[in-house]
Amino acid sequence: MTGAPDITRSRGDRPIYVQLAEQIADDIRSGALLPGDRVTSEPELMRQHSISRATAVKALAHLEQQGLVRREQGRGTFVETPRLVQRSAQLGSFSEQVRSHGHTPSQRLLSIGPPRRRDDDLGLQSRLGDDTIEIQRLRLVDGEPVGVHSTVLERSVGERAGLNGDAFADEQASLYALLDVAGVHVDEADEHLQAVAATEREAELLGVEPGSALMRVVRISRDAAGEPIEVVDARYRADRFDYSVSLVRRHGEGRARRGSSRGKEHHEEQFTEGTRDAHRGRDDGGRVRQVGRRGVE
């Protein structure tokens, strides 16, 4: 570890394993440790910091839970290649999610203009009308391509937010940030997940073989009044995308959900199968659906 502060053991300090994990995580995020690099072993950590094996194991397990390292039996612990991990129903942009995990998001504009789809499997016309624009971007994490985003919005919304080639010239540009500045606020969204095969173009952009498995995430975003703002069709590399949720079983109609006796936080994911949304008259066609709301930051 590069110049990391020593572990403190005063009463009231954070647990030693947390301090140790944060030191290693800082080295990963700063680039001192790169994907594939071997992390200091348990015996070495024990000697360097005068800690027990249990504490060293717990620190490495903590990093593994964060998706920062992978542990290979008989070989050691290695820095993991960044993955886009989504574990909460808190609605956020790609950029917000990537930064929350300590990585750097970026984007490259591929095209912007009228939608060029041959079919309307996403129901764009019924949701957004006839006058729309489509923004296609390559999304990157720490400079590595991980996904292709196709976003369709009403042309009037795009013009109001100044969505053009210049707006996306900055590789750090965020669509949600541009919309927020224009007073267009995404409040909630439905997401649909589906496994698909990479087309030749997607494979070339993402650096995978044609036909490789991709995770397709379709997001329909709405404002506070429930009016559609955007429809996003995102294709992610399967080895760079991890979708995890916590589920709570409800016992009885109208019964309040109990908190876990262990204090575990349950996210606000809601899954339905083959149901109809009574409030907006949408039929999900029997597909599993996640509903998320955007927090105020």
C-alpha atoms as a PDB file:
ATOM      1  CA  MET A   1       0.000   0.000   0.000  1.00  0.00           C
ATOM      2  CA  THR A   2       1.319   3.423  -0.977  1.00  0.00           C
ATOM      3  CA  GLY A   3       1.840   5.751   1.941  1.00  0.00           C
ATOM      4  CA  ALA A   4      -1.367   4.661   3.694  1.00  0.00           C
ATOM      5  CA  PRO A   5      -1.930   5.983   7.224  1.00  0.00           C
ATOM      6  CA  ASP A   6      -1.412   3.507  10.028  1.00  0.00           C
ATOM      7  CA  ILE A   7      -4.327   1.596  11.512  1.00  0.00           C
ATOM      8  CA  THR A   8      -5.727   3.325  14.615  1.00  0.00           C
ATOM      9  CA  ARG A   9      -6.969   1.344  17.585  1.00  0.00           C
ATOM     10  CA  SER A  10      -8.425   4.005  19.886  1.00  0.00           C
ATOM     11  CA  ARG A  11     -11.829   3.521  21.446  1.00  0.00           C
ATOM     12  CA  GLY A  12     -14.531   4.794  19.106  1.00  0.00           C
ATOM     13  CA  ASP A  13     -12.468   4.306  15.940  1.00  0.00           C
ATOM     14  CA  ARG A  14     -13.923   2.429  12.999  1.00  0.00           C
ATOM     15  CA  PRO A  15     -13.360  -1.338  13.037  1.00  0.00           C
ATOM     16  CA  ILE A  16      -9.829  -2.289  12.059  1.00  0.00           C
ATOM     17  CA  TYR A  17     -10.988  -4.404   9.110  1.00  0.00           C
ATOM     18  CA  VAL A  18     -12.906  -1.413   7.703  1.00  0.00           C
ATOM     19  CA  GLN A  19      -9.855   0.868   7.990  1.00  0.00           C
ATOM     20  CA  LEU A  20      -7.680  -1.749   6.297  1.00  0.00           C
ATOM     21  CA  ALA A  21     -10.209  -2.325   3.512  1.00  0.00           C
ATOM     22  CA  GLU A  22     -10.438   1.432   2.892  1.00  0.00           C
ATOM     23  CA  GLN A  23      -6.655   1.707   2.590  1.00  0.00           C
ATOM     24  CA  ILE A  24      -6.594  -1.017  -0.060  1.00  0.00           C
ATOM     25  CA  ALA A  25      -9.637   0.505  -1.794  1.00  0.00           C
ATOM     26  CA  ASP A  26      -7.859   3.878  -1.950  1.00  0.00           C
ATOM     27  CA  ASP A  27      -4.911   2.220  -3.709  1.00  0.00           C
ATOM     28  CA  ILE A  28      -7.284   0.648  -6.228  1.00  0.00           C
ATOM     29  CA  ARG A  29      -9.121   3.896  -6.933  1.00  0.00           C
ATOM     30  CA  SER A  30      -5.919   5.925  -7.222  1.00  0.00           C
ATOM     31  CA  GLY A  31      -4.459   3.505  -9.748  1.00  0.00           C
ATOM     32  CA  ALA A  32      -1.672   2.273  -7.468  1.00  0.00           C
ATOM     33  CA  LEU A  33      -3.306  -1.147  -7.845  1.00  0.00           C
ATOM     34  CA  LEU A  34      -4.639  -1.986 -11.301  1.00  0.00           C
ATOM     35  CA  PRO A  35      -7.116  -4.659 -12.469  1.00  0.00           C
ATOM     36  CA  GLY A  36      -5.406  -8.035 -12.272  1.00  0.00           C
ATOM     37  CA  ASP A  37      -2.822  -6.915  -9.695  1.00  0.00           C
ATOM     38  CA  ARG A  38      -2.368  -9.166  -6.695  1.00  0.00           C
ATOM     39  CA  VAL A  39      -3.491  -7.663  -3.384  1.00  0.00           C
ATOM     40  CA  THR A  40      -1.368  -8.111  -0.262  1.00  0.00           C
ATOM     41  CA  SER A  41      -2.007 -11.599   1.126  1.00  0.00           C
ATOM     42  CA  GLU A  42      -3.587 -12.380   4.484  1.00  0.00           C
ATOM     43  CA  PRO A  43      -0.278 -13.406   6.127  1.00  0.00           C
ATOM     44  CA  GLU A  44       1.406 -10.249   4.816  1.00  0.00           C
ATOM     45  CA  LEU A  45      -1.418  -8.068   6.127  1.00  0.00           C
ATOM     46  CA  MET A  46      -1.138  -9.805   9.494  1.00  0.00           C
ATOM     47  CA  ARG A  47       2.587  -9.041   9.704  1.00  0.00           C
ATOM     48  CA  GLN A  48       2.347  -5.471   8.411  1.00  0.00           C
ATOM     49  CA  HIS A  49      -0.452  -4.390  10.737  1.00  0.00           C
ATOM     50  CA  SER A  50      -0.141  -6.801  13.688  1.00  0.00           C
ATOM     51  CA  ILE A  51      -3.682  -8.045  13.211  1.00  0.00           C
ATOM     52  CA  SER A  52      -5.333 -11.431  13.481  1.00  0.00           C
ATOM     53  CA  ARG A  53      -6.011 -13.631  10.481  1.00  0.00           C
ATOM     54  CA  ALA A  54      -9.752 -13.200  11.080  1.00  0.00           C
ATOM     55  CA  THR A  55      -9.400  -9.419  10.711  1.00  0.00           C
ATOM     56  CA  ALA A  56      -7.353  -9.764   7.501  1.00  0.00           C
ATOM     57  CA  VAL A  57      -9.903 -12.192   6.052  1.00  0.00           C
ATOM     58  CA  LYS A  58     -12.757  -9.854   6.971  1.00  0.00           C
ATOM     59  CA  ALA A  59     -11.047  -6.876   5.290  1.00  0.00           C
ATOM     60  CA  LEU A  60     -10.585  -8.770   2.026  1.00  0.00           C
ATOM     61  CA  ALA A  61     -14.132 -10.125   2.192  1.00  0.00           C
ATOM     62  CA  HIS A  62     -15.376  -6.530   2.643  1.00  0.00           C
ATOM     63  CA  LEU A  63     -13.558  -5.494  -0.542  1.00  0.00           C
ATOM     64  CA  GLU A  64     -14.975  -8.489  -2.386  1.00  0.00           C
ATOM     65  CA  GLN A  65     -18.509  -7.518  -1.370  1.00  0.00           C
ATOM     66  CA  GLN A  66     -17.868  -4.078  -2.860  1.00  0.00           C
ATOM     67  CA  GLY A  67     -16.821  -5.674  -6.136  1.00  0.00           C
ATOM     68  CA  LEU A  68     -13.283  -4.286  -5.903  1.00  0.00           C
ATOM     69  CA  VAL A  69     -11.420  -7.599  -5.666  1.00  0.00           C
ATOM     70  CA  ARG A  70     -11.888 -11.275  -6.437  1.00  0.00           C
ATOM     71  CA  ARG A  71     -10.516 -14.088  -4.301  1.00  0.00           C
ATOM     72  CA  GLU A  72      -9.154 -17.186  -6.014  1.00  0.00           C
ATOM     73  CA  GLN A  73      -8.587 -20.241  -3.868  1.00  0.00           C
ATOM     74  CA  GLY A  74      -4.949 -21.262  -3.779  1.00  0.00           C
ATOM     75  CA  ARG A  75      -3.813 -18.172  -5.730  1.00  0.00           C
ATOM     76  CA  GLY A  76      -4.700 -15.107  -3.677  1.00  0.00           C
ATOM     77  CA  THR A  77      -6.738 -11.926  -3.993  1.00  0.00           C
ATOM     78  CA  PHE A  78      -6.690  -9.824  -7.162  1.00  0.00           C
ATOM     79  CA  VAL A  79      -8.053  -6.420  -8.167  1.00  0.00           C
ATOM     80  CA  GLU A  80     -11.290  -6.948 -10.051  1.00  0.00           C
ATOM     81  CA  THR A  81     -12.083  -5.347 -13.381  1.00  0.00           C
ATOM     82  CA  PRO A  82     -14.702  -2.604 -12.739  1.00  0.00           C
ATOM     83  CA  ARG A  83     -18.311  -3.738 -12.942  1.00  0.00           C
ATOM     84  CA  LEU A  84     -21.429  -1.602 -13.085  1.00  0.00           C
ATOM     85  CA  VAL A  85     -23.194  -2.769  -9.919  1.00  0.00           C
ATOM     86  CA  GLN A  86     -26.814  -1.838  -9.304  1.00  0.00           C
ATOM     87  CA  ARG A  87     -28.149  -2.907  -5.933  1.00  0.00           C
ATOM     88  CA  SER A  88     -30.655  -0.204  -5.027  1.00  0.00           C
ATOM     89  CA  ALA A  89     -33.960   0.999  -6.385  1.00  0.00           C
ATOM     90  CA  GLN A  90     -32.675   4.551  -5.951  1.00  0.00           C
ATOM     91  CA  LEU A  91     -33.012   5.997  -9.438  1.00  0.00           C
ATOM     92  CA  GLY A  92     -29.882   7.625 -10.795  1.00  0.00           C
ATOM     93  CA  SER A  93     -28.020   8.223 -14.010  1.00  0.00           C
ATOM     94  CA  PHE A  94     -25.255   5.986 -15.323  1.00  0.00           C
ATOM     95  CA  SER A  95     -22.713   8.619 -14.266  1.00  0.00           C
ATOM     96  CA  GLU A  96     -24.111   8.840 -10.733  1.00  0.00           C
ATOM     97  CA  GLN A  97     -24.075   5.072 -10.288  1.00  0.00           C
ATOM     98  CA  VAL A  98     -20.515   4.667 -11.551  1.00  0.00           C
ATOM     99  CA  ARG A  99     -19.167   7.497  -9.381  1.00  0.00           C
ATOM    100  CA  SER A 100     -20.914   6.054  -6.322  1.00  0.00           C
ATOM    101  CA  HIS A 101     -18.654   3.002  -6.685  1.00  0.00           C
ATOM    102  CA  GLY A 102     -15.483   5.076  -6.912  1.00  0.00           C
ATOM    103  CA  HIS A 103     -14.962   4.800 -10.679  1.00  0.00           C
ATOM    104  CA  THR A 104     -14.850   7.367 -13.467  1.00  0.00           C
ATOM    105  CA  PRO A 105     -17.701   7.410 -16.005  1.00  0.00           C
ATOM    106  CA  SER A 106     -17.399   8.818 -19.488  1.00  0.00           C
ATOM    107  CA  GLN A 107     -19.278   8.753 -22.770  1.00  0.00           C
ATOM    108  CA  ARG A 108     -18.739   9.061 -26.492  1.00  0.00           C
ATOM    109  CA  LEU A 109     -21.500  10.337 -28.734  1.00  0.00           C
ATOM    110  CA  LEU A 110     -22.237   7.938 -31.597  1.00  0.00           C
ATOM    111  CA  SER A 111     -25.195   9.692 -33.208  1.00  0.00           C
ATOM    112  CA  ILE A 112     -28.035  12.102 -32.531  1.00  0.00           C
ATOM    113  CA  GLY A 113     -31.092  12.650 -34.691  1.00  0.00           C
ATOM    114  CA  PRO A 114     -34.428  11.052 -35.677  1.00  0.00           C
ATOM    115  CA  PRO A 115     -34.863   7.445 -34.453  1.00  0.00           C
ATOM    116  CA  ARG A 116     -33.671   4.907 -37.035  1.00  0.00           C
ATOM    117  CA  ARG A 117     -35.460   1.862 -35.659  1.00  0.00           C
ATOM    118  CA  ARG A 118     -37.198  -0.464 -38.086  1.00  0.00           C
ATOM    119  CA  ASP A 119     -39.769  -1.518 -35.496  1.00  0.00           C
ATOM    120  CA  ASP A 120     -41.305   0.017 -32.397  1.00  0.00           C
ATOM    121  CA  ASP A 121     -40.922  -2.807 -29.897  1.00  0.00           C
ATOM    122  CA  LEU A 122     -40.525  -0.233 -27.109  1.00  0.00           C
ATOM    123  CA  GLY A 123     -43.808   1.538 -27.840  1.00  0.00           C
ATOM    124  CA  LEU A 124     -42.024   4.814 -28.498  1.00  0.00           C
ATOM    125  CA  GLN A 125     -44.836   6.314 -30.537  1.00  0.00           C
ATOM    126  CA  SER A 126     -47.500   5.604 -27.933  1.00  0.00           C
ATOM    127  CA  ARG A 127     -45.294   6.919 -25.120  1.00  0.00           C
ATOM    128  CA  LEU A 128     -43.522   9.885 -26.709  1.00  0.00           C
ATOM    129  CA  GLY A 129     -45.393  10.654 -29.927  1.00  0.00           C
ATOM    130  CA  ASP A 130     -44.101  11.000 -33.480  1.00  0.00           C
ATOM    131  CA  ASP A 131     -41.657  13.909 -33.125  1.00  0.00           C
ATOM    132  CA  THR A 132     -38.696  12.439 -31.248  1.00  0.00           C
ATOM    133  CA  ILE A 133     -34.905  12.351 -31.275  1.00  0.00           C
ATOM    134  CA  GLU A 134     -32.581   9.456 -30.507  1.00  0.00           C
ATOM    135  CA  ILE A 135     -29.206   9.847 -28.802  1.00  0.00           C
ATOM    136  CA  GLN A 136     -26.793   6.940 -29.108  1.00  0.00           C
ATOM    137  CA  ARG A 137     -23.739   6.898 -26.878  1.00  0.00           C
ATOM    138  CA  LEU A 138     -20.965   4.512 -25.910  1.00  0.00           C
ATOM    139  CA  ARG A 139     -20.631   4.400 -22.118  1.00  0.00           C
ATOM    140  CA  LEU A 140     -17.274   3.773 -20.473  1.00  0.00           C
ATOM    141  CA  VAL A 141     -16.014   3.028 -16.964  1.00  0.00           C
ATOM    142  CA  ASP A 142     -12.425   4.058 -16.269  1.00  0.00           C
ATOM    143  CA  GLY A 143     -11.954   4.387 -20.023  1.00  0.00           C
ATOM    144  CA  GLU A 144     -13.200   0.875 -20.848  1.00  0.00           C
ATOM    145  CA  PRO A 145     -16.381   0.411 -22.957  1.00  0.00           C
ATOM    146  CA  VAL A 146     -19.130  -1.301 -20.954  1.00  0.00           C
ATOM    147  CA  GLY A 147     -22.398  -0.353 -22.652  1.00  0.00           C
ATOM    148  CA  VAL A 148     -24.243   1.217 -25.556  1.00  0.00           C
ATOM    149  CA  HIS A 149     -27.120   3.562 -24.690  1.00  0.00           C
ATOM    150  CA  SER A 150     -29.898   4.584 -27.079  1.00  0.00           C
ATOM    151  CA  THR A 151     -32.087   7.279 -25.547  1.00  0.00           C
ATOM    152  CA  VAL A 152     -35.276   8.551 -27.188  1.00  0.00           C
ATOM    153  CA  LEU A 153     -36.965  11.789 -26.057  1.00  0.00           C
ATOM    154  CA  GLU A 154     -39.556  14.176 -27.435  1.00  0.00           C
ATOM    155  CA  ARG A 155     -37.840  16.639 -29.754  1.00  0.00           C
ATOM    156  CA  SER A 156     -39.256  19.555 -27.724  1.00  0.00           C
ATOM    157  CA  VAL A 157     -37.581  18.202 -24.572  1.00  0.00           C
ATOM    158  CA  GLY A 158     -34.297  17.794 -26.419  1.00  0.00           C
ATOM    159  CA  GLU A 159     -34.436  21.352 -27.732  1.00  0.00           C
ATOM    160  CA  ARG A 160     -35.355  22.718 -24.312  1.00  0.00           C
ATOM    161  CA  ALA A 161     -32.316  21.003 -22.780  1.00  0.00           C
ATOM    162  CA  GLY A 162     -30.028  21.925 -25.673  1.00  0.00           C
ATOM    163  CA  LEU A 163     -29.267  18.305 -26.499  1.00  0.00           C
ATOM    164  CA  ASN A 164     -27.002  18.423 -29.526  1.00  0.00           C
ATOM    165  CA  GLY A 165     -23.528  17.357 -30.532  1.00  0.00           C
ATOM    166  CA  ASP A 166     -21.914  20.222 -28.641  1.00  0.00           C
ATOM    167  CA  ALA A 167     -23.726  19.263 -25.421  1.00  0.00           C
ATOM    168  CA  PHE A 168     -22.082  15.837 -25.509  1.00  0.00           C
ATOM    169  CA  ALA A 169     -18.646  16.996 -26.681  1.00  0.00           C
ATOM    170  CA  ASP A 170     -17.436  16.714 -23.082  1.00  0.00           C
ATOM    171  CA  GLU A 171     -16.817  13.042 -22.353  1.00  0.00           C
ATOM    172  CA  GLN A 172     -18.054  13.648 -18.788  1.00  0.00           C
ATOM    173  CA  ALA A 173     -21.435  14.971 -19.984  1.00  0.00           C
ATOM    174  CA  SER A 174     -24.467  13.536 -18.168  1.00  0.00           C
ATOM    175  CA  LEU A 175     -27.892  13.514 -19.804  1.00  0.00           C
ATOM    176  CA  TYR A 176     -29.733  13.749 -16.482  1.00  0.00           C
ATOM    177  CA  ALA A 177     -27.601  16.725 -15.458  1.00  0.00           C
ATOM    178  CA  LEU A 178     -28.442  18.495 -18.730  1.00  0.00           C
ATOM    179  CA  LEU A 179     -32.138  17.766 -18.233  1.00  0.00           C
ATOM    180  CA  ASP A 180     -32.038  18.984 -14.624  1.00  0.00           C
ATOM    181  CA  VAL A 181     -30.502  22.303 -15.663  1.00  0.00           C
ATOM    182  CA  ALA A 182     -33.338  22.740 -18.161  1.00  0.00           C
ATOM    183  CA  GLY A 183     -35.947  22.058 -15.470  1.00  0.00           C
ATOM    184  CA  VAL A 184     -36.814  18.599 -16.794  1.00  0.00           C
ATOM    185  CA  HIS A 185     -36.648  16.272 -13.798  1.00  0.00           C
ATOM    186  CA  VAL A 186     -36.794  12.489 -13.939  1.00  0.00           C
ATOM    187  CA  ASP A 187     -38.741  11.351 -10.881  1.00  0.00           C
ATOM    188  CA  GLU A 188     -39.396   7.645 -11.389  1.00  0.00           C
ATOM    189  CA  ALA A 189     -38.777   4.858 -13.867  1.00  0.00           C
ATOM    190  CA  ASP A 190     -39.589   1.292 -14.803  1.00  0.00           C
ATOM    191  CA  GLU A 191     -36.728  -0.980 -15.845  1.00  0.00           C
ATOM    192  CA  HIS A 192     -36.972  -4.213 -17.824  1.00  0.00           C
ATOM    193  CA  LEU A 193     -34.033  -6.639 -17.985  1.00  0.00           C
ATOM    194  CA  GLN A 194     -33.457  -9.109 -20.789  1.00  0.00           C
ATOM    195  CA  ALA A 195     -30.538 -11.193 -22.075  1.00  0.00           C
ATOM    196  CA  VAL A 196     -29.721 -10.548 -25.750  1.00  0.00           C
ATOM    197  CA  ALA A 197     -26.954 -11.447 -28.209  1.00  0.00           C
ATOM    198  CA  ALA A 198     -24.532  -8.750 -29.359  1.00  0.00           C
ATOM    199  CA  THR A 199     -24.935  -7.544 -32.931  1.00  0.00           C
ATOM    200  CA  GLU A 200     -21.817  -7.045 -35.036  1.00  0.00           C
ATOM    201  CA  ARG A 201     -21.889  -3.287 -34.407  1.00  0.00           C
ATOM    202  CA  GLU A 202     -22.420  -3.695 -30.638  1.00  0.00           C
ATOM    203  CA  ALA A 203     -19.647  -6.302 -30.509  1.00  0.00           C
ATOM    204  CA  GLU A 204     -17.234  -3.952 -32.279  1.00  0.00           C
ATOM    205  CA  LEU A 205     -18.065  -1.062 -29.944  1.00  0.00           C
ATOM    206  CA  LEU A 206     -17.827  -3.143 -26.763  1.00  0.00           C
ATOM    207  CA  GLY A 207     -14.839  -5.254 -27.707  1.00  0.00           C
ATOM    208  CA  VAL A 208     -16.606  -8.632 -27.563  1.00  0.00           C
ATOM    209  CA  GLU A 209     -17.365 -11.364 -30.069  1.00  0.00           C
ATOM    210  CA  PRO A 210     -20.586 -11.064 -32.157  1.00  0.00           C
ATOM    211  CA  GLY A 211     -23.304 -13.119 -30.512  1.00  0.00           C
ATOM    212  CA  SER A 212     -21.831 -12.680 -27.034  1.00  0.00           C
ATOM    213  CA  ALA A 213     -24.345 -12.321 -24.226  1.00  0.00           C
ATOM    214  CA  LEU A 214     -25.340  -8.761 -23.343  1.00  0.00           C
ATOM    215  CA  MET A 215     -27.656  -7.496 -20.636  1.00  0.00           C
ATOM    216  CA  ARG A 216     -30.399  -5.353 -22.156  1.00  0.00           C
ATOM    217  CA  VAL A 217     -31.886  -2.801 -19.769  1.00  0.00           C
ATOM    218  CA  VAL A 218     -34.899  -0.846 -21.012  1.00  0.00           C
ATOM    219  CA  ARG A 219     -35.813   2.146 -18.853  1.00  0.00           C
ATOM    220  CA  ILE A 220     -38.994   4.206 -19.194  1.00  0.00           C
ATOM    221  CA  SER A 221     -38.524   7.388 -17.156  1.00  0.00           C
ATOM    222  CA  ARG A 222     -41.279   9.761 -16.034  1.00  0.00           C
ATOM    223  CA  ASP A 223     -41.668  13.101 -14.334  1.00  0.00           C
ATOM    224  CA  ALA A 224     -43.501  13.724 -11.053  1.00  0.00           C
ATOM    225  CA  ALA A 225     -46.844  13.829 -12.901  1.00  0.00           C
ATOM    226  CA  GLY A 226     -46.217  10.415 -14.433  1.00  0.00           C
ATOM    227  CA  GLU A 227     -45.629  11.706 -17.960  1.00  0.00           C
ATOM    228  CA  PRO A 228     -42.930   9.875 -19.972  1.00  0.00           C
ATOM    229  CA  ILE A 229     -39.674  11.783 -20.461  1.00  0.00           C
ATOM    230  CA  GLU A 230     -37.368   9.231 -22.053  1.00  0.00           C
ATOM    231  CA  VAL A 231     -37.090   5.634 -23.163  1.00  0.00           C
ATOM    232  CA  VAL A 232     -33.604   4.149 -22.864  1.00  0.00           C
ATOM    233  CA  ASP A 233     -32.468   0.916 -24.503  1.00  0.00           C
ATOM    234  CA  ALA A 234     -29.086   0.047 -22.958  1.00  0.00           C
ATOM    235  CA  ARG A 235     -26.912  -2.948 -23.854  1.00  0.00           C
ATOM    236  CA  TYR A 236     -24.214  -3.845 -21.317  1.00  0.00           C
ATOM    237  CA  ARG A 237     -21.374  -6.335 -21.432  1.00  0.00           C
ATOM    238  CA  ALA A 238     -22.523  -9.263 -19.310  1.00  0.00           C
ATOM    239  CA  ASP A 239     -19.137  -9.454 -17.592  1.00  0.00           C
ATOM    240  CA  ARG A 240     -19.341  -5.784 -16.588  1.00  0.00           C
ATOM    241  CA  PHE A 241     -22.897  -5.623 -15.234  1.00  0.00           C
ATOM    242  CA  ASP A 242     -24.192  -6.919 -11.905  1.00  0.00           C
ATOM    243  CA  TYR A 243     -27.822  -6.442 -10.891  1.00  0.00           C
ATOM    244  CA  SER A 244     -28.667  -7.285  -7.285  1.00  0.00           C
ATOM    245  CA  VAL A 245     -31.835  -6.655  -5.294  1.00  0.00           C
ATOM    246  CA  SER A 246     -33.207  -7.352  -1.830  1.00  0.00           C
ATOM    247  CA  LEU A 247     -36.677  -8.871  -1.728  1.00  0.00           C
ATOM    248  CA  VAL A 248     -39.170  -8.737   1.121  1.00  0.00           C
ATOM    249  CA  ARG A 249     -42.064 -11.141   1.388  1.00  0.00           C
ATOM    250  CA  ARG A 250     -45.389  -9.606   2.384  1.00  0.00           C
ATOM    251  CA  HIS A 251     -47.692 -11.676   4.573  1.00  0.00           C
ATOM    252  CA  GLY A 252     -51.295 -10.611   4.221  1.00  0.00           C
ATOM    253  CA  GLU A 253     -52.945  -7.713   2.395  1.00  0.00           C
ATOM    254  CA  GLY A 254     -52.192  -4.297   3.837  1.00  0.00           C
ATOM    255  CA  ARG A 255     -49.826  -5.634   6.454  1.00  0.00           C
ATOM    256  CA  ALA A 256     -46.964  -3.264   7.202  1.00  0.00           C
ATOM    257  CA  ARG A 257     -43.545  -4.515   6.312  1.00  0.00           C
ATOM    258  CA  ARG A 258     -41.427  -5.349   9.309  1.00  0.00           C
ATOM    259  CA  GLY A 259     -37.823  -4.343   9.681  1.00  0.00           C
ATOM    260  CA  SER A 260     -35.336  -7.163   9.886  1.00  0.00           C
ATOM    261  CA  SER A 261     -34.388  -8.221  13.397  1.00  0.00           C
ATOM    262  CA  ARG A 262     -30.770  -7.892  12.294  1.00  0.00           C
ATOM    263  CA  GLY A 263     -31.288  -4.329  11.085  1.00  0.00           C
ATOM    264  CA  LYS A 264     -30.785  -5.137   7.423  1.00  0.00           C
ATOM    265  CA  GLU A 265     -31.949  -2.398   5.085  1.00  0.00           C
ATOM    266  CA  HIS A 266     -34.427  -3.553   2.467  1.00  0.00           C
ATOM    267  CA  HIS A 267     -34.441  -1.530  -0.726  1.00  0.00           C
ATOM    268  CA  GLU A 268     -37.707  -0.388  -2.240  1.00  0.00           C
ATOM    269  CA  GLU A 269     -37.686  -2.782  -5.187  1.00  0.00           C
ATOM    270  CA  GLN A 270     -41.080  -4.012  -6.298  1.00  0.00           C
ATOM    271  CA  PHE A 271     -41.395  -6.903  -8.685  1.00  0.00           C
ATOM    272  CA  THR A 272     -44.535  -7.921 -10.495  1.00  0.00           C
ATOM    273  CA  GLU A 273     -45.115 -10.587 -13.089  1.00  0.00           C
ATOM    274  CA  GLY A 274     -47.806 -10.399 -15.734  1.00  0.00           C
ATOM    275  CA  THR A 275     -49.656  -7.584 -13.969  1.00  0.00           C
ATOM    276  CA  ARG A 276     -51.214  -4.341 -15.086  1.00  0.00           C
ATOM    277  CA  ASP A 277     -50.481  -0.962 -13.548  1.00  0.00           C
ATOM    278  CA  ALA A 278     -53.894   0.324 -12.539  1.00  0.00           C
ATOM    279  CA  HIS A 279     -52.705   3.906 -12.229  1.00  0.00           C
ATOM    280  CA  ARG A 280     -51.275   4.288 -15.746  1.00  0.00           C
ATOM    281  CA  GLY A 281     -52.948   1.459 -17.634  1.00  0.00           C
ATOM    282  CA  ARG A 282     -49.692  -0.232 -18.644  1.00  0.00           C
ATOM    283  CA  ASP A 283     -49.481  -3.938 -19.274  1.00  0.00           C
ATOM    284  CA  ASP A 284     -46.037  -5.456 -18.743  1.00  0.00           C
ATOM    285  CA  GLY A 285     -46.786  -8.505 -20.857  1.00  0.00           C
ATOM    286  CA  GLY A 286     -45.715 -10.946 -18.163  1.00  0.00           C
ATOM    287  CA  ARG A 287     -42.184  -9.556 -17.813  1.00  0.00           C
ATOM    288  CA  VAL A 288     -40.460  -8.983 -14.506  1.00  0.00           C
ATOM    289  CA  ARG A 289     -40.259  -5.285 -13.754  1.00  0.00           C
ATOM    290  CA  GLN A 290     -38.393  -3.081 -11.274  1.00  0.00           C
ATOM    291  CA  VAL A 291     -39.781   0.231 -10.126  1.00  0.00           C
ATOM    292  CA  GLY A 292     -37.389   2.876  -8.837  1.00  0.00           C
ATOM    293  CA  ARG A 293     -37.681   6.459  -7.612  1.00  0.00           C
ATOM    294  CA  ARG A 294     -35.076   9.160  -7.866  1.00  0.00           C
ATOM    295  CA  GLY A 295     -33.883  10.647  -4.621  1.00  0.00           C
ATOM    296  CA  VAL A 296     -33.323  14.332  -4.068  1.00  0.00           C
ATOM    297  CA  GLU A 297     -29.617  15.098  -3.903  1.00  0.00           C
END
